[in-house]
C-alpha atoms as a PDB file:
ATOM      1  CA  MET A   1     -79.528-239.582 105.243  1.00  0.00           C
ATOM      2  CA  ARG A   2     -81.145-239.851 108.656  1.00  0.00           C
ATOM      3  CA  ARG A   3     -79.124-241.833 111.222  1.00  0.00           C
ATOM      4  CA  HIS A   4     -80.688-244.975 112.662  1.00  0.00           C
ATOM      5  CA  LEU A   5     -81.513-244.490 116.345  1.00  0.00           C
ATOM      6  CA  ASN A   6     -82.704-247.082 118.840  1.00  0.00           C
ATOM      7  CA  THR A   7     -86.061-247.057 120.569  1.00  0.00           C
ATOM      8  CA  LEU A   8     -85.987-247.496 124.347  1.00  0.00           C
ATOM      9  CA  TYR A   9     -88.749-249.816 125.573  1.00  0.00           C
ATOM     10  CA  ILE A  10     -89.598-249.747 129.293  1.00  0.00           C
ATOM     11  CA  THR A  11     -91.703-252.728 130.453  1.00  0.00           C
ATOM     12  CA  THR A  12     -90.808-253.003 134.166  1.00  0.00           C
ATOM     13  CA  GLN A  13     -93.797-251.953 136.250  1.00  0.00           C
ATOM     14  CA  GLY A  14     -92.977-249.198 138.708  1.00  0.00           C
ATOM     15  CA  ALA A  15     -89.943-248.004 136.737  1.00  0.00           C
ATOM     16  CA  TYR A  16     -89.161-244.293 136.726  1.00  0.00           C
ATOM     17  CA  LEU A  17     -87.288-242.373 134.027  1.00  0.00           C
ATOM     18  CA  GLY A  18     -85.304-239.310 134.970  1.00  0.00           C
ATOM     19  CA  LYS A  19     -82.678-237.038 133.446  1.00  0.00           C
ATOM     20  CA  ASP A  20     -79.056-236.605 134.479  1.00  0.00           C
ATOM     21  CA  ARG A  21     -77.304-234.123 132.201  1.00  0.00           C
ATOM     22  CA  ALA A  22     -77.587-235.668 128.708  1.00  0.00           C
ATOM     23  CA  ASN A  23     -78.563-239.132 129.949  1.00  0.00           C
ATOM     24  CA  ILE A  24     -81.838-240.988 130.442  1.00  0.00           C
ATOM     25  CA  VAL A  25     -81.684-242.684 133.833  1.00  0.00           C
ATOM     26  CA  VAL A  26     -83.943-245.662 134.565  1.00  0.00           C
ATOM     27  CA  SER A  27     -84.670-246.439 138.215  1.00  0.00           C
ATOM     28  CA  VAL A  28     -86.716-249.140 139.935  1.00  0.00           C
ATOM     29  CA  ASP A  29     -87.578-248.787 143.635  1.00  0.00           C
ATOM     30  CA  GLY A  30     -85.142-245.879 143.880  1.00  0.00           C
ATOM     31  CA  ARG A  31     -82.232-247.910 142.512  1.00  0.00           C
ATOM     32  CA  GLU A  32     -80.622-247.009 139.175  1.00  0.00           C
ATOM     33  CA  THR A  33     -80.896-249.912 136.728  1.00  0.00           C
ATOM     34  CA  GLY A  34     -79.885-248.286 133.456  1.00  0.00           C
ATOM     35  CA  ARG A  35     -78.448-245.181 131.839  1.00  0.00           C
ATOM     36  CA  VAL A  36     -78.637-244.264 128.151  1.00  0.00           C
ATOM     37  CA  PRO A  37     -77.319-241.138 126.364  1.00  0.00           C
ATOM     38  CA  ILE A  38     -80.360-239.331 125.002  1.00  0.00           C
ATOM     39  CA  HIS A  39     -78.680-238.550 121.668  1.00  0.00           C
ATOM     40  CA  THR A  40     -78.603-242.284 120.859  1.00  0.00           C
ATOM     41  CA  VAL A  41     -82.370-242.686 121.284  1.00  0.00           C
ATOM     42  CA  GLY A  42     -85.022-241.906 118.687  1.00  0.00           C
ATOM     43  CA  GLY A  43     -88.016-242.782 120.834  1.00  0.00           C
ATOM     44  CA  ILE A  44     -89.112-244.035 124.244  1.00  0.00           C
ATOM     45  CA  VAL A  45     -92.090-246.361 124.669  1.00  0.00           C
ATOM     46  CA  CYS A  46     -93.422-246.960 128.195  1.00  0.00           C
ATOM     47  CA  PHE A  47     -95.670-249.937 128.929  1.00  0.00           C
ATOM     48  CA  GLY A  48     -98.025-249.805 131.893  1.00  0.00           C
ATOM     49  CA  ARG A  49     -97.112-248.220 135.226  1.00  0.00           C
ATOM     50  CA  VAL A  50     -93.994-246.258 134.236  1.00  0.00           C
ATOM     51  CA  GLY A  51     -93.256-242.725 135.434  1.00  0.00           C
ATOM     52  CA  VAL A  52     -91.277-240.017 133.644  1.00  0.00           C
ATOM     53  CA  SER A  53     -89.892-236.820 135.151  1.00  0.00           C
ATOM     54  CA  PRO A  54     -91.052-233.452 133.751  1.00  0.00           C
ATOM     55  CA  PHE A  55     -87.413-232.560 133.095  1.00  0.00           C
ATOM     56  CA  LEU A  56     -86.930-235.624 130.882  1.00  0.00           C
ATOM     57  CA  MET A  57     -90.209-234.905 129.082  1.00  0.00           C
ATOM     58  CA  GLY A  58     -88.968-231.404 128.302  1.00  0.00           C
ATOM     59  CA  GLN A  59     -85.600-232.682 127.107  1.00  0.00           C
ATOM     60  CA  CYS A  60     -87.306-235.270 124.859  1.00  0.00           C
ATOM     61  CA  GLY A  61     -89.405-232.497 123.349  1.00  0.00           C
ATOM     62  CA  GLU A  62     -86.334-230.371 122.652  1.00  0.00           C
ATOM     63  CA  GLU A  63     -84.335-233.292 121.216  1.00  0.00           C
ATOM     64  CA  GLY A  64     -87.207-234.598 119.073  1.00  0.00           C
ATOM     65  CA  VAL A  65     -87.397-237.891 120.991  1.00  0.00           C
ATOM     66  CA  ALA A  66     -90.946-239.245 120.794  1.00  0.00           C
ATOM     67  CA  LEU A  67     -92.242-240.359 124.205  1.00  0.00           C
ATOM     68  CA  SER A  68     -95.204-242.759 124.039  1.00  0.00           C
ATOM     69  CA  PHE A  69     -97.301-244.383 126.749  1.00  0.00           C
ATOM     70  CA  LEU A  70     -99.067-247.711 126.164  1.00  0.00           C
ATOM     71  CA  ASN A  71    -100.875-249.987 128.577  1.00  0.00           C
ATOM     72  CA  GLU A  72     -99.275-253.294 129.551  1.00  0.00           C
ATOM     73  CA  HIS A  73    -100.806-255.034 126.536  1.00  0.00           C
ATOM     74  CA  GLY A  74     -99.681-252.501 123.937  1.00  0.00           C
ATOM     75  CA  ARG A  75    -102.801-250.347 123.581  1.00  0.00           C
ATOM     76  CA  TYR A  76    -101.924-246.724 122.862  1.00  0.00           C
ATOM     77  CA  LEU A  77    -102.678-244.251 125.660  1.00  0.00           C
ATOM     78  CA  ALA A  78    -100.832-240.982 125.105  1.00  0.00           C
ATOM     79  CA  ARG A  79     -97.818-239.325 123.515  1.00  0.00           C
ATOM     80  CA  VAL A  80     -95.577-236.422 124.493  1.00  0.00           C
ATOM     81  CA  VAL A  81     -93.958-234.471 121.656  1.00  0.00           C
ATOM     82  CA  GLY A  82     -92.268-231.110 121.240  1.00  0.00           C
ATOM     83  CA  PRO A  83     -93.336-228.303 118.896  1.00  0.00           C
ATOM     84  CA  ALA A  84     -94.603-229.425 115.496  1.00  0.00           C
ATOM     85  CA  SER A  85     -91.734-229.589 113.020  1.00  0.00           C
ATOM     86  CA  GLY A  86     -91.755-228.832 109.343  1.00  0.00           C
ATOM     87  CA  ASN A  87     -93.292-226.245 107.090  1.00  0.00           C
ATOM     88  CA  VAL A  88     -96.932-225.249 107.585  1.00  0.00           C
ATOM     89  CA  LEU A  89     -97.215-225.115 103.787  1.00  0.00           C
ATOM     90  CA  LEU A  90     -96.497-228.856 103.651  1.00  0.00           C
ATOM     91  CA  ARG A  91     -99.340-229.627 106.042  1.00  0.00           C
ATOM     92  CA  ARG A  92    -101.715-227.359 104.158  1.00  0.00           C
ATOM     93  CA  GLU A  93    -100.863-229.229 100.956  1.00  0.00           C
ATOM     94  CA  GLN A  94    -101.453-232.518 102.783  1.00  0.00           C
ATOM     95  CA  TYR A  95    -104.930-231.343 103.771  1.00  0.00           C
ATOM     96  CA  ARG A  96    -105.682-230.167 100.224  1.00  0.00           C
ATOM     97  CA  ARG A  97    -104.655-233.516  98.727  1.00  0.00           C
ATOM     98  CA  ALA A  98    -106.755-235.396 101.276  1.00  0.00           C
ATOM     99  CA  ASP A  99    -109.808-233.352 100.228  1.00  0.00           C
ATOM    100  CA  ASP A 100    -109.096-233.641  96.486  1.00  0.00           C
ATOM    101  CA  ALA A 101    -110.733-236.835  95.176  1.00  0.00           C
ATOM    102  CA  ALA A 102    -108.281-237.424  92.304  1.00  0.00           C
ATOM    103  CA  ALA A 103    -105.143-236.617  94.309  1.00  0.00           C
ATOM    104  CA  CYS A 104    -106.311-238.747  97.226  1.00  0.00           C
ATOM    105  CA  ALA A 105    -107.053-241.672  94.915  1.00  0.00           C
ATOM    106  CA  GLY A 106    -103.539-241.471  93.450  1.00  0.00           C
ATOM    107  CA  LEU A 107    -101.982-241.812  96.895  1.00  0.00           C
ATOM    108  CA  VAL A 108    -104.363-244.593  97.924  1.00  0.00           C
ATOM    109  CA  ARG A 109    -103.447-246.445  94.717  1.00  0.00           C
ATOM    110  CA  SER A 110     -99.739-246.382  95.563  1.00  0.00           C
ATOM    111  CA  ILE A 111    -100.312-247.590  99.122  1.00  0.00           C
ATOM    112  CA  VAL A 112    -102.665-250.399  98.078  1.00  0.00           C
ATOM    113  CA  ILE A 113    -100.343-251.626  95.323  1.00  0.00           C
ATOM    114  CA  GLY A 114     -97.336-251.583  97.646  1.00  0.00           C
ATOM    115  CA  LYS A 115     -99.104-253.463 100.429  1.00  0.00           C
ATOM    116  CA  THR A 116    -100.675-256.025  98.091  1.00  0.00           C
ATOM    117  CA  LEU A 117     -97.397-256.810  96.331  1.00  0.00           C
ATOM    118  CA  ASN A 118     -95.659-257.211  99.684  1.00  0.00           C
ATOM    119  CA  GLN A 119     -98.382-259.618 100.821  1.00  0.00           C
ATOM    120  CA  ARG A 120     -97.808-261.611  97.649  1.00  0.00           C
ATOM    121  CA  THR A 121     -94.055-261.666  98.252  1.00  0.00           C
ATOM    122  CA  VAL A 122     -94.488-263.017 101.796  1.00  0.00           C
ATOM    123  CA  ILE A 123     -96.485-265.904 100.353  1.00  0.00           C
ATOM    124  CA  ALA A 124     -94.070-266.419  97.441  1.00  0.00           C
ATOM    125  CA  ARG A 125     -91.094-266.566  99.811  1.00  0.00           C
ATOM    126  CA  THR A 126     -92.829-269.277 101.858  1.00  0.00           C
ATOM    127  CA  LEU A 127     -93.518-271.283  98.713  1.00  0.00           C
ATOM    128  CA  ARG A 128     -89.914-270.910  97.608  1.00  0.00           C
ATOM    129  CA  ASP A 129     -88.247-271.676 100.931  1.00  0.00           C
ATOM    130  CA  HIS A 130     -90.551-274.367 102.356  1.00  0.00           C
ATOM    131  CA  ARG A 131     -92.124-276.058  99.344  1.00  0.00           C
ATOM    132  CA  ALA A 132     -90.703-279.453 100.346  1.00  0.00           C
ATOM    133  CA  THR A 133     -92.360-279.421 103.784  1.00  0.00           C
ATOM    134  CA  LEU A 134     -95.700-277.878 102.851  1.00  0.00           C
ATOM    135  CA  PRO A 135     -98.717-280.179 102.391  1.00  0.00           C
ATOM    136  CA  ALA A 136    -100.073-280.264  98.862  1.00  0.00           C
ATOM    137  CA  ALA A 137    -103.305-278.552  99.906  1.00  0.00           C
ATOM    138  CA  ALA A 138    -101.376-275.717 101.542  1.00  0.00           C
ATOM    139  CA  THR A 139     -99.176-275.305  98.484  1.00  0.00           C
ATOM    140  CA  ASP A 140    -102.196-275.082  96.192  1.00  0.00           C
ATOM    141  CA  ALA A 141    -103.945-272.571  98.489  1.00  0.00           C
ATOM    142  CA  LEU A 142    -100.860-270.373  98.710  1.00  0.00           C
ATOM    143  CA  LYS A 143    -100.329-270.441  94.934  1.00  0.00           C
ATOM    144  CA  THR A 144    -103.937-269.462  94.362  1.00  0.00           C
ATOM    145  CA  ALA A 145    -103.700-266.618  96.894  1.00  0.00           C
ATOM    146  CA  ALA A 146    -100.466-265.332  95.351  1.00  0.00           C
ATOM    147  CA  GLY A 147    -102.122-265.246  91.942  1.00  0.00           C
ATOM    148  CA  ARG A 148    -105.159-263.396  93.300  1.00  0.00           C
ATOM    149  CA  LEU A 149    -102.980-260.819  95.037  1.00  0.00           C
ATOM    150  CA  ALA A 150    -101.031-260.212  91.829  1.00  0.00           C
ATOM    151  CA  ASP A 151    -104.353-259.726  90.002  1.00  0.00           C
ATOM    152  CA  ILE A 152    -105.601-257.275  92.670  1.00  0.00           C
ATOM    153  CA  ALA A 153    -102.391-255.255  92.343  1.00  0.00           C
ATOM    154  CA  ARG A 154    -102.883-255.095  88.552  1.00  0.00           C
ATOM    155  CA  ARG A 155    -106.496-254.002  88.968  1.00  0.00           C
ATOM    156  CA  ALA A 156    -105.414-251.303  91.423  1.00  0.00           C
ATOM    157  CA  GLU A 157    -103.214-249.734  88.745  1.00  0.00           C
ATOM    158  CA  LYS A 158    -106.274-248.589  86.767  1.00  0.00           C
ATOM    159  CA  PRO A 159    -107.703-245.086  87.374  1.00  0.00           C
ATOM    160  CA  GLN A 160    -110.575-245.387  89.866  1.00  0.00           C
ATOM    161  CA  SER A 161    -111.972-243.804  92.998  1.00  0.00           C
ATOM    162  CA  ALA A 162    -110.392-244.003  96.427  1.00  0.00           C
ATOM    163  CA  ASP A 163    -113.404-245.964  97.702  1.00  0.00           C
ATOM    164  CA  THR A 164    -112.972-248.580  94.951  1.00  0.00           C
ATOM    165  CA  LEU A 165    -109.296-248.880  95.827  1.00  0.00           C
ATOM    166  CA  ARG A 166    -110.183-249.286  99.489  1.00  0.00           C
ATOM    167  CA  GLY A 167    -112.426-252.156  98.428  1.00  0.00           C
ATOM    168  CA  LEU A 168    -109.510-253.771  96.610  1.00  0.00           C
ATOM    169  CA  GLU A 169    -107.378-253.391  99.750  1.00  0.00           C
ATOM    170  CA  GLY A 170    -110.067-255.193 101.729  1.00  0.00           C
ATOM    171  CA  GLU A 171    -110.207-257.956  99.108  1.00  0.00           C
ATOM    172  CA  ALA A 172    -106.433-258.351  99.317  1.00  0.00           C
ATOM    173  CA  ALA A 173    -106.575-258.555 103.123  1.00  0.00           C
ATOM    174  CA  ARG A 174    -109.230-261.298 103.000  1.00  0.00           C
ATOM    175  CA  THR A 175    -107.184-263.248 100.456  1.00  0.00           C
ATOM    176  CA  TYR A 176    -103.950-262.889 102.417  1.00  0.00           C
ATOM    177  CA  PHE A 177    -105.319-263.695 105.855  1.00  0.00           C
ATOM    178  CA  GLY A 178    -107.393-266.494 104.347  1.00  0.00           C
ATOM    179  CA  VAL A 179    -104.167-268.462 103.839  1.00  0.00           C
ATOM    180  CA  PHE A 180    -102.154-266.975 106.701  1.00  0.00           C
ATOM    181  CA  ASN A 181    -102.484-270.148 108.766  1.00  0.00           C
ATOM    182  CA  HIS A 182    -100.469-272.002 106.103  1.00  0.00           C
ATOM    183  CA  LEU A 183     -97.570-269.618 106.846  1.00  0.00           C
ATOM    184  CA  VAL A 184     -97.561-270.673 110.512  1.00  0.00           C
ATOM    185  CA  ARG A 185     -95.335-273.723 110.734  1.00  0.00           C
ATOM    186  CA  GLY A 186     -95.293-274.261 114.501  1.00  0.00           C
ATOM    187  CA  ASP A 187     -96.250-277.725 115.765  1.00  0.00           C
ATOM    188  CA  SER A 188     -98.501-276.508 118.565  1.00  0.00           C
ATOM    189  CA  ASP A 189    -102.247-276.392 118.020  1.00  0.00           C
ATOM    190  CA  ASP A 190    -102.232-273.181 120.080  1.00  0.00           C
ATOM    191  CA  PHE A 191    -100.689-271.330 117.129  1.00  0.00           C
ATOM    192  CA  VAL A 192    -103.609-271.744 114.763  1.00  0.00           C
ATOM    193  CA  PHE A 193    -104.842-268.709 112.860  1.00  0.00           C
ATOM    194  CA  SER A 194    -108.511-268.883 111.927  1.00  0.00           C
ATOM    195  CA  GLY A 195    -109.010-265.197 111.106  1.00  0.00           C
ATOM    196  CA  ARG A 196    -108.000-261.709 112.152  1.00  0.00           C
ATOM    197  CA  SER A 197    -109.412-260.621 115.519  1.00  0.00           C
ATOM    198  CA  ARG A 198    -108.773-257.317 117.299  1.00  0.00           C
ATOM    199  CA  ARG A 199    -109.910-255.445 120.381  1.00  0.00           C
ATOM    200  CA  PRO A 200    -109.365-257.946 121.863  1.00  0.00           C
ATOM    201  CA  PRO A 201    -107.214-260.493 120.012  1.00  0.00           C
ATOM    202  CA  LEU A 202    -108.682-263.942 120.622  1.00  0.00           C
ATOM    203  CA  ASP A 203    -105.677-266.235 120.067  1.00  0.00           C
ATOM    204  CA  PRO A 204    -101.864-266.129 120.404  1.00  0.00           C
ATOM    205  CA  VAL A 205    -101.230-265.359 116.724  1.00  0.00           C
ATOM    206  CA  ASN A 206    -103.581-262.382 116.772  1.00  0.00           C
ATOM    207  CA  ALA A 207    -102.172-261.205 120.103  1.00  0.00           C
ATOM    208  CA  LEU A 208     -98.687-261.258 118.588  1.00  0.00           C
ATOM    209  CA  LEU A 209     -99.770-259.454 115.411  1.00  0.00           C
ATOM    210  CA  SER A 210    -101.678-256.775 117.337  1.00  0.00           C
ATOM    211  CA  PHE A 211     -98.715-256.094 119.608  1.00  0.00           C
ATOM    212  CA  VAL A 212     -96.240-255.736 116.739  1.00  0.00           C
ATOM    213  CA  TYR A 213     -98.701-253.544 114.810  1.00  0.00           C
ATOM    214  CA  ALA A 214     -99.004-251.298 117.878  1.00  0.00           C
ATOM    215  CA  LEU A 215     -95.221-250.859 117.946  1.00  0.00           C
ATOM    216  CA  LEU A 216     -95.062-250.212 114.212  1.00  0.00           C
ATOM    217  CA  VAL A 217     -97.759-247.534 114.237  1.00  0.00           C
ATOM    218  CA  GLN A 218     -95.816-245.618 116.897  1.00  0.00           C
ATOM    219  CA  ASP A 219     -92.711-245.684 114.688  1.00  0.00           C
ATOM    220  CA  ALA A 220     -94.744-244.613 111.642  1.00  0.00           C
ATOM    221  CA  ARG A 221     -96.337-241.770 113.596  1.00  0.00           C
ATOM    222  CA  ALA A 222     -92.935-240.520 114.738  1.00  0.00           C
ATOM    223  CA  ALA A 223     -91.688-240.666 111.125  1.00  0.00           C
ATOM    224  CA  ALA A 224     -94.624-238.590 109.873  1.00  0.00           C
ATOM    225  CA  GLU A 225     -94.121-235.971 112.574  1.00  0.00           C
ATOM    226  CA  ALA A 226     -90.364-235.856 111.988  1.00  0.00           C
ATOM    227  CA  VAL A 227     -90.813-234.655 108.389  1.00  0.00           C
ATOM    228  CA  GLY A 228     -93.549-232.194 109.319  1.00  0.00           C
ATOM    229  CA  LEU A 229     -96.640-234.137 108.238  1.00  0.00           C
ATOM    230  CA  ASP A 230     -99.835-234.343 110.285  1.00  0.00           C
ATOM    231  CA  PRO A 231    -100.161-237.990 111.414  1.00  0.00           C
ATOM    232  CA  ALA A 232    -103.931-237.600 111.857  1.00  0.00           C
ATOM    233  CA  VAL A 233    -104.788-236.833 108.210  1.00  0.00           C
ATOM    234  CA  GLY A 234    -104.419-239.819 105.916  1.00  0.00           C
ATOM    235  CA  PHE A 235    -105.537-240.975 102.507  1.00  0.00           C
ATOM    236  CA  LEU A 236    -106.284-244.705 102.607  1.00  0.00           C
ATOM    237  CA  HIS A 237    -107.593-244.357 106.165  1.00  0.00           C
ATOM    238  CA  ARG A 238    -110.381-241.850 106.546  1.00  0.00           C
ATOM    239  CA  ASP A 239    -110.241-239.132 109.169  1.00  0.00           C
ATOM    240  CA  ARG A 240    -111.536-240.204 112.557  1.00  0.00           C
ATOM    241  CA  PRO A 241    -111.090-238.380 115.887  1.00  0.00           C
ATOM    242  CA  GLY A 242    -108.179-239.844 117.800  1.00  0.00           C
ATOM    243  CA  ARG A 243    -106.939-242.029 114.939  1.00  0.00           C
ATOM    244  CA  PRO A 244    -103.462-241.444 113.433  1.00  0.00           C
ATOM    245  CA  SER A 245    -104.697-242.065 109.897  1.00  0.00           C
ATOM    246  CA  LEU A 246    -101.509-241.069 108.072  1.00  0.00           C
ATOM    247  CA  ALA A 247     -99.388-243.207 110.399  1.00  0.00           C
ATOM    248  CA  LEU A 248    -101.665-246.138 109.578  1.00  0.00           C
ATOM    249  CA  ASP A 249    -101.229-245.347 105.867  1.00  0.00           C
ATOM    250  CA  LEU A 250     -97.448-245.343 106.178  1.00  0.00           C
ATOM    251  CA  MET A 251     -97.351-248.645 108.037  1.00  0.00           C
ATOM    252  CA  GLU A 252     -99.540-250.527 105.535  1.00  0.00           C
ATOM    253  CA  GLU A 253     -96.623-251.329 103.216  1.00  0.00           C
ATOM    254  CA  PHE A 254     -94.685-252.701 106.210  1.00  0.00           C
ATOM    255  CA  ARG A 255     -97.362-254.883 107.783  1.00  0.00           C
ATOM    256  CA  PRO A 256     -96.542-257.925 105.571  1.00  0.00           C
ATOM    257  CA  PHE A 257     -92.840-257.279 105.060  1.00  0.00           C
ATOM    258  CA  PHE A 258     -91.932-256.345 108.630  1.00  0.00           C
ATOM    259  CA  ALA A 259     -94.663-257.030 111.198  1.00  0.00           C
ATOM    260  CA  ASP A 260     -96.164-260.256 109.813  1.00  0.00           C
ATOM    261  CA  ARG A 261     -92.779-261.778 108.991  1.00  0.00           C
ATOM    262  CA  LEU A 262     -91.510-260.932 112.474  1.00  0.00           C
ATOM    263  CA  ALA A 263     -94.525-262.579 114.124  1.00  0.00           C
ATOM    264  CA  LEU A 264     -94.181-265.655 111.914  1.00  0.00           C
ATOM    265  CA  SER A 265     -90.446-265.931 112.614  1.00  0.00           C
ATOM    266  CA  LEU A 266     -91.012-265.789 116.363  1.00  0.00           C
ATOM    267  CA  ILE A 267     -93.553-268.613 116.141  1.00  0.00           C
ATOM    268  CA  ASN A 268     -91.824-270.769 113.547  1.00  0.00           C
ATOM    269  CA  ARG A 269     -88.445-270.578 115.282  1.00  0.00           C
ATOM    270  CA  GLY A 270     -89.911-271.371 118.682  1.00  0.00           C
ATOM    271  CA  GLN A 271     -88.893-268.028 120.195  1.00  0.00           C
ATOM    272  CA  VAL A 272     -92.406-267.650 121.600  1.00  0.00           C
ATOM    273  CA  THR A 273     -94.343-270.582 123.068  1.00  0.00           C
ATOM    274  CA  PRO A 274     -97.972-271.194 124.043  1.00  0.00           C
ATOM    275  CA  ARG A 275     -96.968-270.872 127.717  1.00  0.00           C
ATOM    276  CA  GLY A 276     -96.341-267.176 127.119  1.00  0.00           C
ATOM    277  CA  PHE A 277    -100.019-266.443 126.421  1.00  0.00           C
ATOM    278  CA  THR A 278    -102.975-266.339 128.782  1.00  0.00           C
ATOM    279  CA  ARG A 279    -106.658-266.452 127.902  1.00  0.00           C
ATOM    280  CA  MET A 280    -108.766-264.024 129.910  1.00  0.00           C
ATOM    281  CA  ASP A 281    -112.361-264.498 131.062  1.00  0.00           C
ATOM    282  CA  ASN A 282    -113.615-262.235 128.262  1.00  0.00           C
ATOM    283  CA  GLY A 283    -111.903-264.392 125.636  1.00  0.00           C
ATOM    284  CA  ALA A 284    -108.957-262.054 125.107  1.00  0.00           C
ATOM    285  CA  CYS A 285    -105.489-263.531 124.691  1.00  0.00           C
ATOM    286  CA  ARG A 286    -102.628-261.721 126.437  1.00  0.00           C
ATOM    287  CA  MET A 287     -98.850-262.060 126.383  1.00  0.00           C
ATOM    288  CA  ASP A 288     -96.878-262.396 129.596  1.00  0.00           C
ATOM    289  CA  ASP A 289     -93.950-260.111 130.448  1.00  0.00           C
ATOM    290  CA  ALA A 290     -91.254-262.547 129.289  1.00  0.00           C
ATOM    291  CA  THR A 291     -92.892-263.027 125.887  1.00  0.00           C
ATOM    292  CA  ARG A 292     -93.390-259.289 125.504  1.00  0.00           C
ATOM    293  CA  LYS A 293     -89.685-258.694 126.141  1.00  0.00           C
ATOM    294  CA  THR A 294     -88.764-261.401 123.636  1.00  0.00           C
ATOM    295  CA  VAL A 295     -90.896-259.670 121.000  1.00  0.00           C
ATOM    296  CA  LEU A 296     -89.403-256.249 121.788  1.00  0.00           C
ATOM    297  CA  VAL A 297     -85.837-257.540 121.474  1.00  0.00           C
ATOM    298  CA  ALA A 298     -86.651-259.241 118.160  1.00  0.00           C
ATOM    299  CA  TYR A 299     -88.406-256.088 116.922  1.00  0.00           C
ATOM    300  CA  GLN A 300     -85.368-253.975 117.718  1.00  0.00           C
ATOM    301  CA  ASP A 301     -82.978-256.497 116.168  1.00  0.00           C
ATOM    302  CA  ARG A 302     -85.017-256.695 112.969  1.00  0.00           C
ATOM    303  CA  LYS A 303     -84.861-252.913 112.611  1.00  0.00           C
ATOM    304  CA  ARG A 304     -81.055-253.170 112.450  1.00  0.00           C
ATOM    305  CA  ASP A 305     -81.122-255.440 109.380  1.00  0.00           C
ATOM    306  CA  GLU A 306     -79.908-253.840 106.162  1.00  0.00           C
ATOM    307  CA  LEU A 307     -81.341-253.881 102.652  1.00  0.00           C
ATOM    308  CA  THR A 308     -81.222-251.837  99.468  1.00  0.00           C
ATOM    309  CA  HIS A 309     -84.124-249.424  99.176  1.00  0.00           C
ATOM    310  CA  PRO A 310     -85.882-250.190  95.850  1.00  0.00           C
ATOM    311  CA  PHE A 311     -86.460-246.536  94.926  1.00  0.00           C
ATOM    312  CA  LEU A 312     -83.367-244.807  96.327  1.00  0.00           C
ATOM    313  CA  GLU A 313     -81.118-247.772  95.467  1.00  0.00           C
ATOM    314  CA  GLU A 314     -79.148-247.134  98.657  1.00  0.00           C
ATOM    315  CA  LYS A 315     -78.361-249.547 101.481  1.00  0.00           C
ATOM    316  CA  VAL A 316     -80.306-248.596 104.632  1.00  0.00           C
ATOM    317  CA  THR A 317     -81.383-250.227 107.872  1.00  0.00           C
ATOM    318  CA  VAL A 318     -84.933-251.524 108.071  1.00  0.00           C
ATOM    319  CA  GLY A 319     -85.630-249.150 110.958  1.00  0.00           C
ATOM    320  CA  LEU A 320     -85.161-246.181 108.624  1.00  0.00           C
ATOM    321  CA  LEU A 321     -87.669-247.356 106.020  1.00  0.00           C
ATOM    322  CA  TRP A 322     -90.732-245.621 107.470  1.00  0.00           C
ATOM    323  CA  HIS A 323     -88.734-242.398 107.829  1.00  0.00           C
ATOM    324  CA  ILE A 324     -87.661-242.667 104.190  1.00  0.00           C
ATOM    325  CA  GLN A 325     -91.228-243.302 103.033  1.00  0.00           C
ATOM    326  CA  ALA A 326     -92.450-240.303 105.038  1.00  0.00           C
ATOM    327  CA  GLN A 327     -89.782-238.182 103.350  1.00  0.00           C
ATOM    328  CA  LEU A 328     -90.793-239.485  99.908  1.00  0.00           C
ATOM    329  CA  LEU A 329     -94.423-238.680 100.671  1.00  0.00           C
ATOM    330  CA  ALA A 330     -93.439-235.150 101.728  1.00  0.00           C
ATOM    331  CA  ARG A 331     -91.433-234.740  98.516  1.00  0.00           C
ATOM    332  CA  HIS A 332     -94.447-235.809  96.478  1.00  0.00           C
ATOM    333  CA  LEU A 333     -96.715-233.367  98.299  1.00  0.00           C
ATOM    334  CA  ARG A 334     -94.201-230.559  97.666  1.00  0.00           C
ATOM    335  CA  GLY A 335     -94.214-231.381  93.943  1.00  0.00           C
ATOM    336  CA  ASP A 336     -90.679-232.836  93.789  1.00  0.00           C
ATOM    337  CA  LEU A 337     -91.986-236.288  92.798  1.00  0.00           C
ATOM    338  CA  ASP A 338     -94.780-236.946  90.324  1.00  0.00           C
ATOM    339  CA  ALA A 339     -96.133-239.805  92.429  1.00  0.00           C
ATOM    340  CA  TYR A 340     -95.536-241.405  95.810  1.00  0.00           C
ATOM    341  CA  PRO A 341     -93.290-244.462  95.345  1.00  0.00           C
ATOM    342  CA  PRO A 342     -94.411-247.188  97.801  1.00  0.00           C
ATOM    343  CA  PHE A 343     -91.925-249.562  99.401  1.00  0.00           C
ATOM    344  CA  VAL A 344     -92.110-252.828  97.466  1.00  0.00           C
ATOM    345  CA  TRP A 345     -90.123-255.735  98.911  1.00  0.00           C
ATOM    346  CA  ARG A 346     -88.229-257.850  96.396  1.00  0.00           C
END
């Protein structure tokens, strides 16, 4: 079993990362502010104006430590990785399955069912845990949405084309986000969700979701590369230049279970406040540095939680789940598993 490794997030503008023997050294204005053994790190994510020495880049490539660069608001810029790992035969099989209509549809079916059931569980957990405090209208809306999501998952089980399954995924997303505001229990009117908005996010809830999704896709991409898969060639997400389609596929099952629940927890527990968000002239909503650090700490803490994997029936940390799913996908592509078993939260 793969060992859980931390991700090092660098948010201080002007920071510089260097290498001293087997350590990552963080400096600001020429003064050392941190030192981390590289063997304890699975990835490094740099936000904004952060420099990295060529020697550390080379060491990260050799050690398999993914080094990613994002702008200050979490938009992906670039990534430094070492030689592609894995067997070329695995990638060739991945490409063949992506081009085979029936095989592609089978994988899309698994992903859509897993994501839809996890969306339903997020709603069901809210109904179970907060029924006494929910208004009657919210309770009715959530019950209706949970029933629709269960029906969509059942419909997705039937043999059909990948495009039809993609339509069901879109229907599930509209149903889920149509009641998402009822899951937000903060008192502030600033945390009102009226619909999903991206590029740019137009309110604090969307800004929080987009930021956590950006972190999750980097972890999913690293997981795909670690097992030798091509993160650019997916099944649910069509090929598009510059888009990590397979990484987006892998993260779909974890959007509701991990990313959405994390964002909701931060709001509902008061860990993030309206003061931590700024509205720009173009309508975009941005997080300040303090809020961003709060989210990163919570993200890292959540990855250390433990649960029993529903397919392997082994206790693992949450941060290993996307690596496990990438391994299960690789096993399916090699012919060791008849189908790809999605992660379904119970």
